[in-house]
PDB file of N, CA and C in Angstrom:
ATOM      1  N   MET A   1      72.355 -35.385  -7.151  1.00  0.00           N
ATOM      2  CA  MET A   1      72.992 -36.068  -8.245  1.00  0.00           C
ATOM      3  C   MET A   1      73.254 -35.038  -9.348  1.00  0.00           C
ATOM      4  N   PRO A   2      74.466 -34.943  -9.825  1.00  0.00           N
ATOM      5  CA  PRO A   2      74.787 -33.951 -10.863  1.00  0.00           C
ATOM      6  C   PRO A   2      74.288 -34.375 -12.235  1.00  0.00           C
ATOM      7  N   PHE A   3      74.047 -33.385 -13.074  1.00  0.00           N
ATOM      8  CA  PHE A   3      73.680 -33.649 -14.459  1.00  0.00           C
ATOM      9  C   PHE A   3      74.874 -34.211 -15.207  1.00  0.00           C
ATOM     10  N   GLU A   4      74.619 -35.125 -16.126  1.00  0.00           N
ATOM     11  CA  GLU A   4      75.686 -35.661 -16.958  1.00  0.00           C
ATOM     12  C   GLU A   4      75.520 -35.266 -18.412  1.00  0.00           C
ATOM     13  N   ILE A   5      74.255 -35.070 -18.858  1.00  0.00           N
ATOM     14  CA  ILE A   5      73.995 -34.667 -20.241  1.00  0.00           C
ATOM     15  C   ILE A   5      72.866 -33.656 -20.263  1.00  0.00           C
ATOM     16  N   VAL A   6      72.749 -32.915 -21.361  1.00  0.00           N
ATOM     17  CA  VAL A   6      71.631 -32.012 -21.606  1.00  0.00           C
ATOM     18  C   VAL A   6      70.935 -32.507 -22.858  1.00  0.00           C
ATOM     19  N   VAL A   7      69.644 -32.806 -22.754  1.00  0.00           N
ATOM     20  CA  VAL A   7      68.863 -33.281 -23.893  1.00  0.00           C
ATOM     21  C   VAL A   7      68.349 -32.066 -24.649  1.00  0.00           C
ATOM     22  N   LEU A   8      68.569 -32.044 -25.951  1.00  0.00           N
ATOM     23  CA  LEU A   8      68.120 -30.941 -26.787  1.00  0.00           C
ATOM     24  C   LEU A   8      66.747 -31.261 -27.359  1.00  0.00           C
ATOM     25  N   GLN A   9      66.000 -30.245 -27.790  1.00  0.00           N
ATOM     26  CA  GLN A   9      64.644 -30.453 -28.298  1.00  0.00           C
ATOM     27  C   GLN A   9      64.612 -31.307 -29.554  1.00  0.00           C
ATOM     28  N   VAL A  10      65.689 -31.346 -30.312  1.00  0.00           N
ATOM     29  CA  VAL A  10      65.706 -32.138 -31.539  1.00  0.00           C
ATOM     30  C   VAL A  10      66.016 -33.602 -31.254  1.00  0.00           C
ATOM     31  N   GLY A  11      66.165 -33.971 -29.968  1.00  0.00           N
ATOM     32  CA  GLY A  11      66.398 -35.355 -29.602  1.00  0.00           C
ATOM     33  C   GLY A  11      67.863 -35.694 -29.398  1.00  0.00           C
ATOM     34  N   ASN A  12      68.753 -34.804 -29.732  1.00  0.00           N
ATOM     35  CA  ASN A  12      70.172 -35.038 -29.497  1.00  0.00           C
ATOM     36  C   ASN A  12      70.528 -34.630 -28.082  1.00  0.00           C
ATOM     37  N   TYR A  13      71.735 -34.912 -27.688  1.00  0.00           N
ATOM     38  CA  TYR A  13      72.184 -34.475 -26.369  1.00  0.00           C
ATOM     39  C   TYR A  13      73.654 -34.100 -26.425  1.00  0.00           C
ATOM     40  N   ILE A  14      74.064 -33.297 -25.467  1.00  0.00           N
ATOM     41  CA  ILE A  14      75.464 -32.914 -25.363  1.00  0.00           C
ATOM     42  C   ILE A  14      75.946 -33.253 -23.961  1.00  0.00           C
ATOM     43  N   PRO A  15      77.195 -33.685 -23.817  1.00  0.00           N
ATOM     44  CA  PRO A  15      77.700 -33.945 -22.463  1.00  0.00           C
ATOM     45  C   PRO A  15      77.805 -32.646 -21.684  1.00  0.00           C
ATOM     46  N   ILE A  16      77.548 -32.721 -20.412  1.00  0.00           N
ATOM     47  CA  ILE A  16      77.528 -31.515 -19.603  1.00  0.00           C
ATOM     48  C   ILE A  16      78.845 -31.290 -18.856  1.00  0.00           C
ATOM     49  N   SER A  17      79.764 -32.229 -18.929  1.00  0.00           N
ATOM     50  CA  SER A  17      81.009 -32.115 -18.175  1.00  0.00           C
ATOM     51  C   SER A  17      81.767 -30.814 -18.438  1.00  0.00           C
ATOM     52  N   PRO A  18      81.809 -30.286 -19.682  1.00  0.00           N
ATOM     53  CA  PRO A  18      82.546 -29.038 -19.850  1.00  0.00           C
ATOM     54  C   PRO A  18      81.756 -27.791 -19.433  1.00  0.00           C
ATOM     55  N   ILE A  19      80.523 -27.968 -18.972  1.00  0.00           N
ATOM     56  CA  ILE A  19      79.683 -26.831 -18.604  1.00  0.00           C
ATOM     57  C   ILE A  19      79.881 -26.519 -17.122  1.00  0.00           C
ATOM     58  N   ARG A  20      79.935 -25.241 -16.797  1.00  0.00           N
ATOM     59  CA  ARG A  20      80.123 -24.806 -15.405  1.00  0.00           C
ATOM     60  C   ARG A  20      78.948 -25.246 -14.533  1.00  0.00           C
ATOM     61  N   ASP A  21      79.226 -25.412 -13.248  1.00  0.00           N
ATOM     62  CA  ASP A  21      78.196 -25.849 -12.299  1.00  0.00           C
ATOM     63  C   ASP A  21      77.022 -24.885 -12.223  1.00  0.00           C
ATOM     64  N   ASP A  22      77.291 -23.576 -12.292  1.00  0.00           N
ATOM     65  CA  ASP A  22      76.202 -22.605 -12.202  1.00  0.00           C
ATOM     66  C   ASP A  22      75.294 -22.677 -13.424  1.00  0.00           C
ATOM     67  N   VAL A  23      75.863 -22.982 -14.583  1.00  0.00           N
ATOM     68  CA  VAL A  23      75.063 -23.128 -15.804  1.00  0.00           C
ATOM     69  C   VAL A  23      74.205 -24.383 -15.711  1.00  0.00           C
ATOM     70  N   ALA A  24      74.778 -25.476 -15.217  1.00  0.00           N
ATOM     71  CA  ALA A  24      74.020 -26.713 -15.047  1.00  0.00           C
ATOM     72  C   ALA A  24      72.893 -26.524 -14.038  1.00  0.00           C
ATOM     73  N   ALA A  25      73.157 -25.799 -12.950  1.00  0.00           N
ATOM     74  CA  ALA A  25      72.125 -25.545 -11.936  1.00  0.00           C
ATOM     75  C   ALA A  25      70.990 -24.703 -12.514  1.00  0.00           C
ATOM     76  N   ALA A  26      71.327 -23.714 -13.334  1.00  0.00           N
ATOM     77  CA  ALA A  26      70.302 -22.875 -13.964  1.00  0.00           C
ATOM     78  C   ALA A  26      69.449 -23.704 -14.925  1.00  0.00           C
ATOM     79  N   TYR A  27      70.075 -24.598 -15.669  1.00  0.00           N
ATOM     80  CA  TYR A  27      69.339 -25.476 -16.591  1.00  0.00           C
ATOM     81  C   TYR A  27      68.377 -26.366 -15.811  1.00  0.00           C
ATOM     82  N   LYS A  28      68.869 -26.946 -14.715  1.00  0.00           N
ATOM     83  CA  LYS A  28      68.036 -27.832 -13.896  1.00  0.00           C
ATOM     84  C   LYS A  28      66.850 -27.069 -13.319  1.00  0.00           C
ATOM     85  N   LYS A  29      67.108 -25.878 -12.809  1.00  0.00           N
ATOM     86  CA  LYS A  29      66.035 -25.064 -12.239  1.00  0.00           C
ATOM     87  C   LYS A  29      64.996 -24.709 -13.304  1.00  0.00           C
ATOM     88  N   GLY A  30      65.455 -24.403 -14.507  1.00  0.00           N
ATOM     89  CA  GLY A  30      64.539 -24.101 -15.607  1.00  0.00           C
ATOM     90  C   GLY A  30      63.673 -25.285 -15.975  1.00  0.00           C
ATOM     91  N   MET A  31      64.259 -26.478 -15.987  1.00  0.00           N
ATOM     92  CA  MET A  31      63.490 -27.678 -16.305  1.00  0.00           C
ATOM     93  C   MET A  31      62.463 -27.975 -15.210  1.00  0.00           C
ATOM     94  N   GLU A  32      62.852 -27.771 -13.948  1.00  0.00           N
ATOM     95  CA  GLU A  32      61.910 -27.973 -12.843  1.00  0.00           C
ATOM     96  C   GLU A  32      60.755 -26.979 -12.927  1.00  0.00           C
ATOM     97  N   TRP A  33      61.059 -25.722 -13.264  1.00  0.00           N
ATOM     98  CA  TRP A  33      60.023 -24.700 -13.396  1.00  0.00           C
ATOM     99  C   TRP A  33      59.058 -25.065 -14.526  1.00  0.00           C
ATOM    100  N   LYS A  34      59.613 -25.522 -15.645  1.00  0.00           N
ATOM    101  CA  LYS A  34      58.800 -25.884 -16.802  1.00  0.00           C
ATOM    102  C   LYS A  34      57.842 -27.034 -16.448  1.00  0.00           C
ATOM    103  N   ALA A  35      58.346 -28.033 -15.733  1.00  0.00           N
ATOM    104  CA  ALA A  35      57.506 -29.166 -15.332  1.00  0.00           C
ATOM    105  C   ALA A  35      56.424 -28.719 -14.351  1.00  0.00           C
ATOM    106  N   SER A  36      56.788 -27.869 -13.400  1.00  0.00           N
ATOM    107  CA  SER A  36      55.803 -27.380 -12.431  1.00  0.00           C
ATOM    108  C   SER A  36      54.712 -26.570 -13.115  1.00  0.00           C
ATOM    109  N   LYS A  37      55.102 -25.747 -14.065  1.00  0.00           N
ATOM    110  CA  LYS A  37      54.127 -24.934 -14.809  1.00  0.00           C
ATOM    111  C   LYS A  37      53.173 -25.831 -15.594  1.00  0.00           C
ATOM    112  N   MET A  38      53.702 -26.902 -16.177  1.00  0.00           N
ATOM    113  CA  MET A  38      52.883 -27.815 -16.961  1.00  0.00           C
ATOM    114  C   MET A  38      51.883 -28.558 -16.060  1.00  0.00           C
ATOM    115  N   LEU A  39      52.280 -28.878 -14.838  1.00  0.00           N
ATOM    116  CA  LEU A  39      51.428 -29.654 -13.938  1.00  0.00           C
ATOM    117  C   LEU A  39      50.503 -28.796 -13.073  1.00  0.00           C
ATOM    118  N   LEU A  40      50.687 -27.498 -13.077  1.00  0.00           N
ATOM    119  CA  LEU A  40      49.891 -26.606 -12.238  1.00  0.00           C
ATOM    120  C   LEU A  40      48.379 -26.747 -12.442  1.00  0.00           C
ATOM    121  N   PRO A  41      47.866 -26.822 -13.676  1.00  0.00           N
ATOM    122  CA  PRO A  41      46.410 -26.969 -13.836  1.00  0.00           C
ATOM    123  C   PRO A  41      45.859 -28.225 -13.155  1.00  0.00           C
ATOM    124  N   TYR A  42      46.612 -29.314 -13.168  1.00  0.00           N
ATOM    125  CA  TYR A  42      46.161 -30.551 -12.529  1.00  0.00           C
ATOM    126  C   TYR A  42      46.165 -30.411 -11.012  1.00  0.00           C
ATOM    127  N   LYS A  43      47.180 -29.724 -10.496  1.00  0.00           N
ATOM    128  CA  LYS A  43      47.242 -29.481  -9.054  1.00  0.00           C
ATOM    129  C   LYS A  43      46.074 -28.587  -8.624  1.00  0.00           C
ATOM    130  N   GLN A  44      45.749 -27.571  -9.425  1.00  0.00           N
ATOM    131  CA  GLN A  44      44.627 -26.687  -9.109  1.00  0.00           C
ATOM    132  C   GLN A  44      43.303 -27.448  -9.166  1.00  0.00           C
ATOM    133  N   LEU A  45      43.158 -28.343 -10.139  1.00  0.00           N
ATOM    134  CA  LEU A  45      41.947 -29.149 -10.243  1.00  0.00           C
ATOM    135  C   LEU A  45      41.774 -30.020  -9.001  1.00  0.00           C
ATOM    136  N   CYS A  46      42.856 -30.627  -8.559  1.00  0.00           N
ATOM    137  CA  CYS A  46      42.790 -31.435  -7.339  1.00  0.00           C
ATOM    138  C   CYS A  46      42.399 -30.583  -6.144  1.00  0.00           C
ATOM    139  N   SER A  47      42.957 -29.393  -6.063  1.00  0.00           N
ATOM    140  CA  SER A  47      42.644 -28.492  -4.951  1.00  0.00           C
ATOM    141  C   SER A  47      41.168 -28.105  -4.958  1.00  0.00           C
ATOM    142  N   GLU A  48      40.626 -27.815  -6.130  1.00  0.00           N
ATOM    143  CA  GLU A  48      39.208 -27.450  -6.244  1.00  0.00           C
ATOM    144  C   GLU A  48      38.296 -28.588  -5.799  1.00  0.00           C
ATOM    145  N   LYS A  49      38.724 -29.823  -6.082  1.00  0.00           N
ATOM    146  CA  LYS A  49      37.924 -31.000  -5.726  1.00  0.00           C
ATOM    147  C   LYS A  49      38.243 -31.508  -4.321  1.00  0.00           C
ATOM    148  N   LYS A  50      39.092 -30.744  -3.603  1.00  0.00           N
ATOM    149  CA  LYS A  50      39.508 -31.093  -2.250  1.00  0.00           C
ATOM    150  C   LYS A  50      40.221 -32.453  -2.203  1.00  0.00           C
ATOM    151  N   VAL A  51      41.038 -32.682  -3.206  1.00  0.00           N
ATOM    152  CA  VAL A  51      41.865 -33.883  -3.268  1.00  0.00           C
ATOM    153  C   VAL A  51      43.295 -33.463  -2.979  1.00  0.00           C
ATOM    154  N   GLU A  52      43.906 -34.126  -2.009  1.00  0.00           N
ATOM    155  CA  GLU A  52      45.283 -33.799  -1.660  1.00  0.00           C
ATOM    156  C   GLU A  52      46.218 -34.410  -2.704  1.00  0.00           C
ATOM    157  N   ALA A  53      47.065 -33.598  -3.305  1.00  0.00           N
ATOM    158  CA  ALA A  53      47.978 -34.061  -4.340  1.00  0.00           C
ATOM    159  C   ALA A  53      49.356 -33.456  -4.110  1.00  0.00           C
ATOM    160  N   GLU A  54      50.362 -34.208  -4.477  1.00  0.00           N
ATOM    161  CA  GLU A  54      51.728 -33.740  -4.360  1.00  0.00           C
ATOM    162  C   GLU A  54      52.443 -34.007  -5.685  1.00  0.00           C
ATOM    163  N   ILE A  55      53.174 -33.029  -6.160  1.00  0.00           N
ATOM    164  CA  ILE A  55      53.935 -33.194  -7.393  1.00  0.00           C
ATOM    165  C   ILE A  55      55.324 -33.697  -7.022  1.00  0.00           C
ATOM    166  N   VAL A  56      55.701 -34.814  -7.618  1.00  0.00           N
ATOM    167  CA  VAL A  56      57.022 -35.394  -7.394  1.00  0.00           C
ATOM    168  C   VAL A  56      57.707 -35.497  -8.744  1.00  0.00           C
ATOM    169  N   GLN A  57      58.873 -34.886  -8.854  1.00  0.00           N
ATOM    170  CA  GLN A  57      59.629 -34.935 -10.105  1.00  0.00           C
ATOM    171  C   GLN A  57      60.784 -35.911  -9.941  1.00  0.00           C
ATOM    172  N   ILE A  58      60.909 -36.828 -10.888  1.00  0.00           N
ATOM    173  CA  ILE A  58      61.957 -37.844 -10.847  1.00  0.00           C
ATOM    174  C   ILE A  58      62.931 -37.588 -11.984  1.00  0.00           C
ATOM    175  N   GLU A  59      64.206 -37.572 -11.653  1.00  0.00           N
ATOM    176  CA  GLU A  59      65.239 -37.389 -12.669  1.00  0.00           C
ATOM    177  C   GLU A  59      65.652 -38.749 -13.218  1.00  0.00           C
ATOM    178  N   ALA A  60      65.765 -38.838 -14.517  1.00  0.00           N
ATOM    179  CA  ALA A  60      66.254 -40.057 -15.157  1.00  0.00           C
ATOM    180  C   ALA A  60      67.690 -39.837 -15.595  1.00  0.00           C
ATOM    181  N   ARG A  61      68.431 -40.873 -15.618  1.00  0.00           N
ATOM    182  CA  ARG A  61      69.825 -40.776 -16.061  1.00  0.00           C
ATOM    183  C   ARG A  61      69.931 -41.094 -17.504  1.00  0.00           C
TER     184      ARG A  61
END
């Protein structure tokens, strides 16, 4: 599913339609990396406790 908007840190958003596909893909990859980095300590904690865990990221429209 393609991106339609980019949410800015100040709470505003800009439409993504005029942005090139490679720029949108880089933004998406960056957001996925940021979420994975944030969840890594919890995944490591589960691993230490021998609890099987899977990180699932859901995109909202």
